[in-house]
Amino acid sequence: MMNEKRIIHNRPVVIGVGELLWDLLPGGKQLGGAPANFAYHAQVLGAEALVISRVGQDGLGRTILDQLRVLGLRTDGITTDPVAPSGTVSIALDTHGKPTFTIHEKVAWDFTQVGKHILDEASHADVICFGSLAQRSPAARAAIRAL
């Protein structure tokens, strides 16, 4: 009699931490931020994905959270800032179609915080991806280092 081997497939845990924002394009707004994009695509490929960031306590922030939920992404790693607005990047096109980007500062994700349950979650992560923009502020940089 052959021994049966049970194969257990665990989904990798992937965390994207940092900038979460709206790209304000000439044709309308588009959800953006490299870490959130990374987490989303990892989830599409089968990973369990978590986004860690911060949004403003404003309409843009509520819409970000709603859209992430529609995409099936966890939002328990996203805190809400009572003062700073949700992140935006204004994008303008010149007469030749060349874009100019204005990345607004002192927005919610500049003040990203991580609580104990998120630090515990990160200790079991297979991958943590962080955005280069999020390192511009001391608070977000400290959160990235803690993770």
Protein backbone atom coordinates (compact mmCIF):
# COMPACT_ATOMS: atom_id res chain seq x y z
CA MET A 1 0.00 0.00 0.00
CA MET A 2 1.37 3.45 -0.95
CA ASN A 3 1.53 6.29 1.50
CA GLU A 4 -0.73 9.12 0.53
CA LYS A 5 0.85 12.53 0.46
CA ARG A 6 -1.35 15.48 1.08
CA ILE A 7 -0.32 18.58 -0.77
CA ILE A 8 -1.49 21.78 0.82
CA HIS A 9 -1.44 24.82 -1.40
CA ASN A 10 -1.13 28.03 0.56
CA ARG A 11 -1.54 31.30 -1.19
CA PRO A 12 1.45 33.61 -0.83
CA VAL A 13 0.80 36.72 1.22
CA VAL A 14 1.78 39.90 -0.60
CA ILE A 15 1.74 43.38 0.93
CA GLY A 16 1.91 46.66 -0.97
CA VAL A 17 2.71 49.61 1.28
CA GLY A 18 2.93 53.29 0.44
CA GLU A 19 1.33 55.71 -1.94
CA LEU A 20 -2.36 55.21 -2.67
CA LEU A 21 -3.81 57.98 -4.77
CA TRP A 22 -5.91 59.26 -7.60
CA ASP A 23 -4.22 60.05 -10.89
CA LEU A 24 -6.15 63.12 -12.07
CA LEU A 25 -5.99 62.64 -15.82
CA PRO A 26 -7.47 65.02 -18.41
CA GLY A 27 -10.17 62.39 -19.04
CA GLY A 28 -10.99 61.73 -15.39
CA LYS A 29 -9.54 60.19 -12.25
CA GLN A 30 -7.90 56.76 -12.11
CA LEU A 31 -6.97 54.86 -8.96
CA GLY A 32 -3.19 54.60 -8.71
CA GLY A 33 -0.11 54.11 -6.63
CA ALA A 34 2.49 51.48 -7.46
CA PRO A 35 2.16 49.46 -4.22
CA ALA A 36 -1.63 49.15 -4.61
CA ASN A 37 -1.23 48.24 -8.28
CA PHE A 38 1.32 45.59 -7.30
CA ALA A 39 -0.98 44.14 -4.63
CA TYR A 40 -3.92 44.05 -7.03
CA HIS A 41 -2.00 42.23 -9.77
CA ALA A 42 -0.54 39.78 -7.24
CA GLN A 43 -4.07 39.01 -6.10
CA VAL A 44 -5.23 38.47 -9.68
CA LEU A 45 -2.40 35.92 -9.98
CA GLY A 46 -3.60 34.09 -6.86
CA ALA A 47 -1.90 35.74 -3.89
CA GLU A 48 -3.60 37.03 -0.77
CA ALA A 49 -2.98 40.76 -1.04
CA LEU A 50 -3.04 43.52 1.52
CA VAL A 51 -2.66 47.25 0.85
CA ILE A 52 -1.15 49.36 3.63
CA SER A 53 -1.59 53.10 3.24
CA ARG A 54 -3.64 56.05 4.45
CA VAL A 55 -6.48 58.01 2.85
CA GLY A 56 -8.13 61.26 3.80
CA GLN A 57 -11.44 61.50 5.58
CA ASP A 58 -12.94 62.88 2.40
CA GLY A 59 -14.95 61.81 -0.63
CA LEU A 60 -11.83 60.76 -2.54
CA GLY A 61 -10.74 58.56 0.36
CA ARG A 62 -14.15 56.92 0.71
CA THR A 63 -14.19 56.24 -3.03
CA ILE A 64 -10.70 54.70 -2.86
CA LEU A 65 -11.84 52.30 -0.12
CA ASP A 66 -15.02 51.44 -2.03
CA GLN A 67 -13.12 50.76 -5.23
CA LEU A 68 -10.54 48.57 -3.48
CA ARG A 69 -13.36 46.53 -1.94
CA VAL A 70 -14.99 46.13 -5.37
CA LEU A 71 -11.62 44.84 -6.64
CA GLY A 72 -11.60 42.33 -3.78
CA LEU A 73 -8.61 43.85 -1.98
CA ARG A 74 -8.37 43.95 1.77
CA THR A 75 -8.56 47.42 3.27
CA ASP A 76 -7.79 46.67 6.93
CA GLY A 77 -4.27 48.01 6.37
CA ILE A 78 -5.56 51.43 5.31
CA THR A 79 -6.08 54.08 7.96
CA THR A 80 -8.00 57.33 7.61
CA ASP A 81 -6.42 60.70 8.28
CA PRO A 82 -8.78 63.26 9.84
CA VAL A 83 -6.79 66.25 8.50
CA ALA A 84 -4.67 65.44 5.43
CA PRO A 85 -6.49 64.95 2.12
CA SER A 86 -6.38 61.80 0.05
CA GLY A 87 -3.43 61.61 -2.32
CA THR A 88 -3.64 62.96 -5.84
CA VAL A 89 -1.36 63.39 -8.81
CA SER A 90 -2.39 66.02 -11.35
CA ILE A 91 -1.49 65.09 -14.91
CA ALA A 92 -1.52 67.66 -17.72
CA LEU A 93 -0.69 67.08 -21.38
CA ASP A 94 1.13 69.62 -23.52
CA THR A 95 0.24 70.25 -27.18
CA HIS A 96 2.37 67.24 -28.19
CA GLY A 97 0.70 64.90 -25.70
CA LYS A 98 3.67 64.85 -23.34
CA PRO A 99 2.50 64.52 -19.72
CA THR A 100 3.55 66.66 -16.79
CA PHE A 101 2.98 65.18 -13.33
CA THR A 102 2.37 67.17 -10.14
CA ILE A 103 2.61 64.82 -7.17
CA HIS A 104 0.88 66.62 -4.32
CA GLU A 105 2.58 66.56 -0.91
CA LYS A 106 1.37 66.44 2.69
CA VAL A 107 -1.41 64.07 1.71
CA ALA A 108 -2.76 61.20 3.78
CA TRP A 109 -0.33 58.51 2.61
CA ASP A 110 2.55 60.73 3.74
CA PHE A 111 1.33 59.93 7.27
CA THR A 112 0.88 56.15 6.91
CA GLN A 113 0.78 54.33 10.23
CA VAL A 114 0.86 50.64 11.07
CA GLY A 115 -0.78 49.08 14.09
CA LYS A 116 0.14 45.91 15.92
CA HIS A 117 -2.22 43.68 13.92
CA ILE A 118 -0.66 44.90 10.65
CA LEU A 119 2.86 44.32 11.99
CA ASP A 120 1.78 40.80 12.98
CA GLU A 121 0.35 40.29 9.50
CA ALA A 122 3.59 41.51 7.91
CA SER A 123 5.63 39.03 9.93
CA HIS A 124 3.94 36.25 7.91
CA ALA A 125 4.16 37.96 4.52
CA ASP A 126 6.05 36.36 1.66
CA VAL A 127 6.62 39.69 -0.08
CA ILE A 128 6.45 43.32 0.99
CA CYS A 129 6.60 45.88 -1.80
CA PHE A 130 6.91 49.54 -0.94
CA GLY A 131 6.74 52.60 -3.10
CA SER A 132 9.60 55.00 -3.60
CA LEU A 133 7.32 58.01 -3.18
CA ALA A 134 6.21 56.89 0.28
CA GLN A 135 9.76 57.25 1.53
CA ARG A 136 9.62 61.03 1.11
CA SER A 137 8.00 61.62 4.51
CA PRO A 138 9.35 60.61 7.94
CA ALA A 139 6.06 59.02 9.09
CA ALA A 140 5.60 56.79 6.05
CA ARG A 141 9.31 55.95 6.01
CA ALA A 142 9.06 54.84 9.66
CA ALA A 143 6.04 52.66 8.83
CA ILE A 144 7.94 51.01 5.97
CA ARG A 145 10.94 50.36 8.22
CA ALA A 146 8.71 48.91 10.94
CA LEU A 147 7.18 46.50 8.44
